Structure formats: C-alpha cells, structure tokens
Amino acid sequence: MDQSYLLDDVDRRILNALQQNAALTNAELAQLVHVSAPTCLRRVKQLRDSGVIEREVAIVAPDKVGTQLTAIVEITLDVQAADRMAEFETHVAAAAAVLQCYRVSPGPDFVLIVQVTDMPAYHALAHRLFTSHANVRNVKAYFSTHRSKFETRIPV
C-alpha cells in the first residue's frame, strides 16, 4: 500500500464490507455502505489500483478438503546474510502447503504456517523444505489440536 493513501470513512466502510463478503455485487455493496453505485465502483477501483485491496479470495475450510493438519514452524538458519534469508524465503514460498511465511525477531529467523493432509505429509514437506536445505540449523514445529479462531479481516 502506498503510505500516502489516506482512507476516509467511505473507504473504511467498503473495506469492512468486502472483508466480510467479497462476493457482493457493486449494487449490494453500494447500498450497504450508503453511497451511489458509480461512487462505490470508483472507490473499489481506487482501492485495488492503490494496492489497499491486494486480492479477493475464497476462504476454504481445511477439514472439508482433506488438509486438516496445521503446523506452526519455527526455522533458524545457520547463516543469516540477506541473500541467504531471501533464498530461503523463495525456497519455502514455492511450496503450496506453506500458507504464510514471516521473518521474525528475536528468536528464530522465520515462522511459517503450514497446512497439510496429515503427519506423513508434514514429514515429507519438512524433509523437502527444511532438513535437506543446507542453511537450516534448527526446526521447531507446533501442531494445532484445535482452531479456536481464524480470521482474515484487518480492522480498518
């Protein structure tokens, strides 16, 4: 997002509504946020063009599609030079099972959120991405036993 982009009340109402249901038609969204349809369409286009709205997606229930194991994985690299960090990010970003990747500090170098079908699938992923990678010093995984909250909305 361009740091100079200032959100007004209409933008905030649009963003909140779209974060609840991005499948709304422009007419439905306009009515919901109390603006005209042309104004709403223009505002949504501005929010997309400025990068405030990165993309619109469907949220899929993992247990309904057979990927019920969630792992939160801490990775510590042996060498933390900028190019080696970037190379590792590129390496894990290519794996579809890696849903999120964060560089963190202090502590490990990365925290990943991984979604796989089961423990054998996690072991295969861990071997492919972590244990066979020469720069990975330490891997620590936590496995979710219950998801009590999952949210994609950002308060605006």
Protein backbone atom coordinates (compact mmCIF):
# COMPACT_ATOMS: atom_id res chain seq x y z
CA MET A 1 0.00 0.00 0.00
CA ASP A 2 1.21 3.48 -0.84
CA GLN A 3 1.87 5.10 2.53
CA SER A 4 0.33 8.37 1.29
CA TYR A 5 -3.06 6.76 0.55
CA LEU A 6 -5.47 8.07 3.17
CA LEU A 7 -8.62 6.11 3.91
CA ASP A 8 -11.79 8.07 4.56
CA ASP A 9 -14.98 6.81 6.18
CA VAL A 10 -16.43 5.56 2.87
CA ASP A 11 -13.25 3.61 2.10
CA ARG A 12 -13.35 2.07 5.57
CA ARG A 13 -16.99 1.03 5.19
CA ILE A 14 -16.22 -0.51 1.78
CA LEU A 15 -13.19 -2.40 3.12
CA ASN A 16 -15.07 -3.70 6.15
CA ALA A 17 -17.98 -4.88 3.97
CA LEU A 18 -15.71 -6.55 1.40
CA GLN A 19 -13.71 -8.30 4.13
CA GLN A 20 -16.99 -9.84 5.32
CA ASN A 21 -18.20 -10.78 1.83
CA ALA A 22 -16.18 -10.04 -1.30
CA ALA A 23 -18.87 -11.67 -3.45
CA LEU A 24 -21.25 -8.72 -3.05
CA THR A 25 -22.33 -7.12 -6.28
CA ASN A 26 -21.44 -3.47 -6.72
CA ALA A 27 -25.11 -2.52 -6.22
CA GLU A 28 -25.32 -4.55 -2.99
CA LEU A 29 -22.06 -3.07 -1.72
CA ALA A 30 -23.13 0.48 -2.58
CA GLN A 31 -26.41 0.04 -0.73
CA LEU A 32 -24.65 -1.48 2.26
CA VAL A 33 -22.12 1.36 2.59
CA HIS A 34 -24.65 4.10 1.71
CA VAL A 35 -23.12 5.50 -1.48
CA SER A 36 -24.22 5.53 -5.11
CA ALA A 37 -23.28 2.57 -7.30
CA PRO A 38 -20.94 4.65 -9.54
CA THR A 39 -19.20 6.11 -6.47
CA CYS A 40 -18.80 2.65 -4.98
CA LEU A 41 -17.38 1.23 -8.21
CA ARG A 42 -14.88 4.11 -8.49
CA ARG A 43 -13.82 3.76 -4.84
CA VAL A 44 -13.29 -0.01 -5.10
CA LYS A 45 -11.22 0.51 -8.26
CA GLN A 46 -9.09 3.13 -6.45
CA LEU A 47 -8.60 0.75 -3.50
CA ARG A 48 -7.48 -2.00 -5.89
CA ASP A 49 -5.26 0.24 -8.02
CA SER A 50 -3.54 1.70 -4.94
CA GLY A 51 -2.81 -1.76 -3.54
CA VAL A 52 -5.01 -1.38 -0.46
CA ILE A 53 -7.03 -4.34 -1.76
CA GLU A 54 -4.33 -6.84 -2.70
CA ARG A 55 -6.66 -9.58 -3.95
CA GLU A 56 -10.03 -11.19 -3.38
CA VAL A 57 -10.17 -14.88 -2.48
CA ALA A 58 -12.45 -17.62 -1.20
CA ILE A 59 -11.74 -18.94 2.29
CA VAL A 60 -11.76 -22.75 2.16
CA ALA A 61 -12.42 -24.94 5.21
CA PRO A 62 -9.29 -27.15 5.54
CA ASP A 63 -11.16 -30.09 7.06
CA LYS A 64 -13.62 -30.12 4.14
CA VAL A 65 -10.83 -30.57 1.59
CA GLY A 66 -8.66 -33.04 3.49
CA THR A 67 -5.89 -30.78 4.79
CA GLN A 68 -6.66 -30.85 8.48
CA LEU A 69 -3.13 -30.67 9.94
CA THR A 70 -1.89 -27.16 10.68
CA ALA A 71 1.71 -26.67 11.76
CA ILE A 72 3.34 -23.53 13.05
CA VAL A 73 7.01 -23.97 12.25
CA GLU A 74 9.98 -22.01 13.59
CA ILE A 75 13.08 -22.03 11.40
CA THR A 76 16.54 -20.86 12.39
CA LEU A 77 19.11 -20.54 9.64
CA ASP A 78 22.81 -21.20 10.01
CA VAL A 79 23.79 -18.10 8.02
CA GLN A 80 21.58 -15.00 8.27
CA ALA A 81 23.10 -12.94 5.46
CA ALA A 82 20.47 -11.03 3.46
CA ASP A 83 20.94 -13.10 0.31
CA ARG A 84 20.66 -16.38 2.25
CA MET A 85 17.49 -15.18 4.00
CA ALA A 86 15.96 -14.18 0.66
CA GLU A 87 16.99 -17.50 -0.89
CA PHE A 88 15.26 -19.42 1.93
CA GLU A 89 12.10 -17.29 1.57
CA THR A 90 11.97 -18.06 -2.14
CA HIS A 91 12.56 -21.75 -1.40
CA VAL A 92 9.63 -22.07 1.04
CA ALA A 93 7.31 -19.69 -0.82
CA ALA A 94 7.29 -22.12 -3.75
CA ALA A 95 5.62 -24.80 -1.58
CA ALA A 96 1.81 -24.67 -1.79
CA ALA A 97 1.49 -26.08 1.74
CA VAL A 98 3.26 -23.02 3.17
CA LEU A 99 0.38 -20.59 3.67
CA GLN A 100 2.31 -17.85 5.43
CA CYS A 101 5.98 -17.02 5.93
CA TYR A 102 7.24 -14.37 8.34
CA ARG A 103 10.75 -13.14 9.12
CA VAL A 104 10.75 -12.60 12.86
CA SER A 105 12.97 -11.20 15.57
CA PRO A 106 14.10 -12.04 18.20
CA GLY A 107 14.20 -15.82 18.29
CA PRO A 108 14.00 -17.92 15.15
CA ASP A 109 14.59 -16.36 11.75
CA PHE A 110 11.25 -17.44 10.26
CA VAL A 111 7.83 -18.57 11.39
CA LEU A 112 5.75 -20.49 8.84
CA ILE A 113 2.12 -21.51 8.85
CA VAL A 114 1.80 -24.84 7.04
CA GLN A 115 -1.35 -26.75 6.08
CA VAL A 116 -1.06 -30.43 5.08
CA THR A 117 -3.23 -33.55 4.99
CA ASP A 118 -1.58 -35.48 7.83
CA MET A 119 1.65 -36.16 9.72
CA PRO A 120 3.30 -38.19 6.91
CA ALA A 121 2.65 -35.26 4.56
CA TYR A 122 4.23 -32.90 7.11
CA HIS A 123 7.29 -35.16 7.41
CA ALA A 124 7.69 -35.23 3.62
CA LEU A 125 7.35 -31.44 3.46
CA ALA A 126 9.80 -30.94 6.34
CA HIS A 127 12.36 -33.17 4.65
CA ARG A 128 11.93 -31.44 1.28
CA LEU A 129 11.99 -27.87 2.62
CA PHE A 130 13.99 -27.95 5.83
CA THR A 131 16.17 -30.97 6.58
CA SER A 132 17.56 -31.20 3.07
CA HIS A 133 18.29 -27.45 2.97
CA ALA A 134 21.94 -26.84 3.85
CA ASN A 135 21.34 -23.50 5.57
CA VAL A 136 18.65 -24.68 8.04
CA ARG A 137 20.13 -25.07 11.52
CA ASN A 138 17.00 -25.72 13.60
CA VAL A 139 13.33 -26.60 13.01
CA LYS A 140 10.72 -26.49 15.74
CA ALA A 141 7.12 -27.36 14.87
CA TYR A 142 3.91 -26.93 16.81
CA PHE A 143 0.80 -28.81 15.67
CA SER A 144 -2.66 -27.38 16.11
CA THR A 145 -5.06 -29.59 18.04
CA HIS A 146 -7.98 -27.16 17.73
CA ARG A 147 -8.56 -23.95 15.79
CA SER A 148 -10.50 -21.62 18.05
CA LYS A 149 -10.21 -18.56 15.81
CA PHE A 150 -9.22 -17.97 12.21
CA GLU A 151 -9.74 -14.53 10.75
CA THR A 152 -8.56 -12.75 7.65
CA ARG A 153 -10.15 -9.37 8.38
CA ILE A 154 -7.92 -6.44 9.24
CA PRO A 155 -9.55 -3.77 11.39
CA VAL A 156 -9.86 -0.56 9.36
